[in-house]
Amino acid sequence: MAINAKGGVKIVEGKAYVHPLSIQELEFLLTVLANTEHKGKDIPKVLQVTQKLREEYKLIVKHNN
């Protein structure tokens, strides 16, 4: 369960959590990554970043109630 605190800070599982990006900004970044052509050497890094953004997105959506 998340608790909203003064100033937009959320307490998630006993830890203060402030994410610098909104849900809309994360969705935008994921869309840009999905719709951009990447060179072969960049693909592993793109996949890594995409996975991390997805994890952050899921966490924010889960606790954004």
C-alpha atoms as a PDB file:
ATOM      1  CA  MET A   1       0.000   0.000   0.000  1.00  0.00           C
ATOM      2  CA  ALA A   2       1.278   3.474  -0.847  1.00  0.00           C
ATOM      3  CA  ILE A   3       0.763   6.498   1.357  1.00  0.00           C
ATOM      4  CA  ASN A   4       0.728   9.989  -0.135  1.00  0.00           C
ATOM      5  CA  ALA A   5       2.737  12.426   1.927  1.00  0.00           C
ATOM      6  CA  LYS A   6       3.009  16.195   1.725  1.00  0.00           C
ATOM      7  CA  GLY A   7       4.796  17.396  -1.424  1.00  0.00           C
ATOM      8  CA  GLY A   8       3.961  14.386  -3.600  1.00  0.00           C
ATOM      9  CA  VAL A   9       6.275  11.967  -1.803  1.00  0.00           C
ATOM     10  CA  LYS A  10       4.936   8.444  -1.624  1.00  0.00           C
ATOM     11  CA  ILE A  11       5.805   5.945   1.066  1.00  0.00           C
ATOM     12  CA  VAL A  12       6.031   2.566  -0.681  1.00  0.00           C
ATOM     13  CA  GLU A  13       6.798  -0.524   1.366  1.00  0.00           C
ATOM     14  CA  GLY A  14       8.319   1.593   4.122  1.00  0.00           C
ATOM     15  CA  LYS A  15      10.512   3.685   1.816  1.00  0.00           C
ATOM     16  CA  ALA A  16      10.057   7.212   0.512  1.00  0.00           C
ATOM     17  CA  TYR A  17       9.723   7.164  -3.253  1.00  0.00           C
ATOM     18  CA  VAL A  18       9.815  10.189  -5.548  1.00  0.00           C
ATOM     19  CA  HIS A  19       9.947   9.450  -9.259  1.00  0.00           C
ATOM     20  CA  PRO A  20      11.147  12.260 -11.525  1.00  0.00           C
ATOM     21  CA  LEU A  21       8.912  11.221 -14.445  1.00  0.00           C
ATOM     22  CA  SER A  22       5.136  11.128 -14.718  1.00  0.00           C
ATOM     23  CA  ILE A  23       3.201   8.192 -16.135  1.00  0.00           C
ATOM     24  CA  GLN A  24       2.674  10.146 -19.355  1.00  0.00           C
ATOM     25  CA  GLU A  25       6.403  10.850 -19.679  1.00  0.00           C
ATOM     26  CA  LEU A  26       7.263   7.177 -19.165  1.00  0.00           C
ATOM     27  CA  GLU A  27       4.648   6.172 -21.753  1.00  0.00           C
ATOM     28  CA  PHE A  28       6.166   8.682 -24.180  1.00  0.00           C
ATOM     29  CA  LEU A  29       9.698   7.322 -23.686  1.00  0.00           C
ATOM     30  CA  LEU A  30       8.541   3.720 -24.114  1.00  0.00           C
ATOM     31  CA  THR A  31       6.694   4.679 -27.306  1.00  0.00           C
ATOM     32  CA  VAL A  32       9.722   6.504 -28.699  1.00  0.00           C
ATOM     33  CA  LEU A  33      11.952   3.509 -27.975  1.00  0.00           C
ATOM     34  CA  ALA A  34       9.465   1.136 -29.581  1.00  0.00           C
ATOM     35  CA  ASN A  35       9.054   3.232 -32.737  1.00  0.00           C
ATOM     36  CA  THR A  36      12.704   4.094 -33.366  1.00  0.00           C
ATOM     37  CA  GLU A  37      15.003   2.038 -35.557  1.00  0.00           C
ATOM     38  CA  HIS A  38      18.068   0.934 -33.613  1.00  0.00           C
ATOM     39  CA  LYS A  39      21.460  -0.205 -34.877  1.00  0.00           C
ATOM     40  CA  GLY A  40      22.576  -3.743 -34.057  1.00  0.00           C
ATOM     41  CA  LYS A  41      25.177  -2.672 -31.535  1.00  0.00           C
ATOM     42  CA  ASP A  42      22.634  -0.510 -29.675  1.00  0.00           C
ATOM     43  CA  ILE A  43      19.936  -3.162 -29.305  1.00  0.00           C
ATOM     44  CA  PRO A  44      21.195  -4.714 -26.024  1.00  0.00           C
ATOM     45  CA  LYS A  45      21.327  -1.283 -24.342  1.00  0.00           C
ATOM     46  CA  VAL A  46      17.914  -0.304 -25.748  1.00  0.00           C
ATOM     47  CA  LEU A  47      16.423  -3.531 -24.382  1.00  0.00           C
ATOM     48  CA  GLN A  48      18.025  -2.916 -20.987  1.00  0.00           C
ATOM     49  CA  VAL A  49      16.722   0.652 -20.763  1.00  0.00           C
ATOM     50  CA  THR A  50      13.281  -0.373 -22.020  1.00  0.00           C
ATOM     51  CA  GLN A  51      13.014  -3.079 -19.361  1.00  0.00           C
ATOM     52  CA  LYS A  52      13.979  -0.640 -16.606  1.00  0.00           C
ATOM     53  CA  LEU A  53      11.443   1.915 -17.845  1.00  0.00           C
ATOM     54  CA  ARG A  54       8.731  -0.765 -17.914  1.00  0.00           C
ATOM     55  CA  GLU A  55       9.535  -1.758 -14.329  1.00  0.00           C
ATOM     56  CA  GLU A  56       9.337   1.876 -13.206  1.00  0.00           C
ATOM     57  CA  TYR A  57       6.092   2.341 -15.136  1.00  0.00           C
ATOM     58  CA  LYS A  58       4.518  -0.700 -13.463  1.00  0.00           C
ATOM     59  CA  LEU A  59       5.630   0.498 -10.021  1.00  0.00           C
ATOM     60  CA  ILE A  60       4.198   3.982 -10.535  1.00  0.00           C
ATOM     61  CA  VAL A  61       0.904   2.679 -11.923  1.00  0.00           C
ATOM     62  CA  LYS A  62       0.599   0.201  -9.041  1.00  0.00           C
ATOM     63  CA  HIS A  63       1.130   2.865  -6.364  1.00  0.00           C
ATOM     64  CA  ASN A  64      -0.505   5.839  -8.072  1.00  0.00           C
ATOM     65  CA  ASN A  65      -3.945   5.411  -6.486  1.00  0.00           C
END
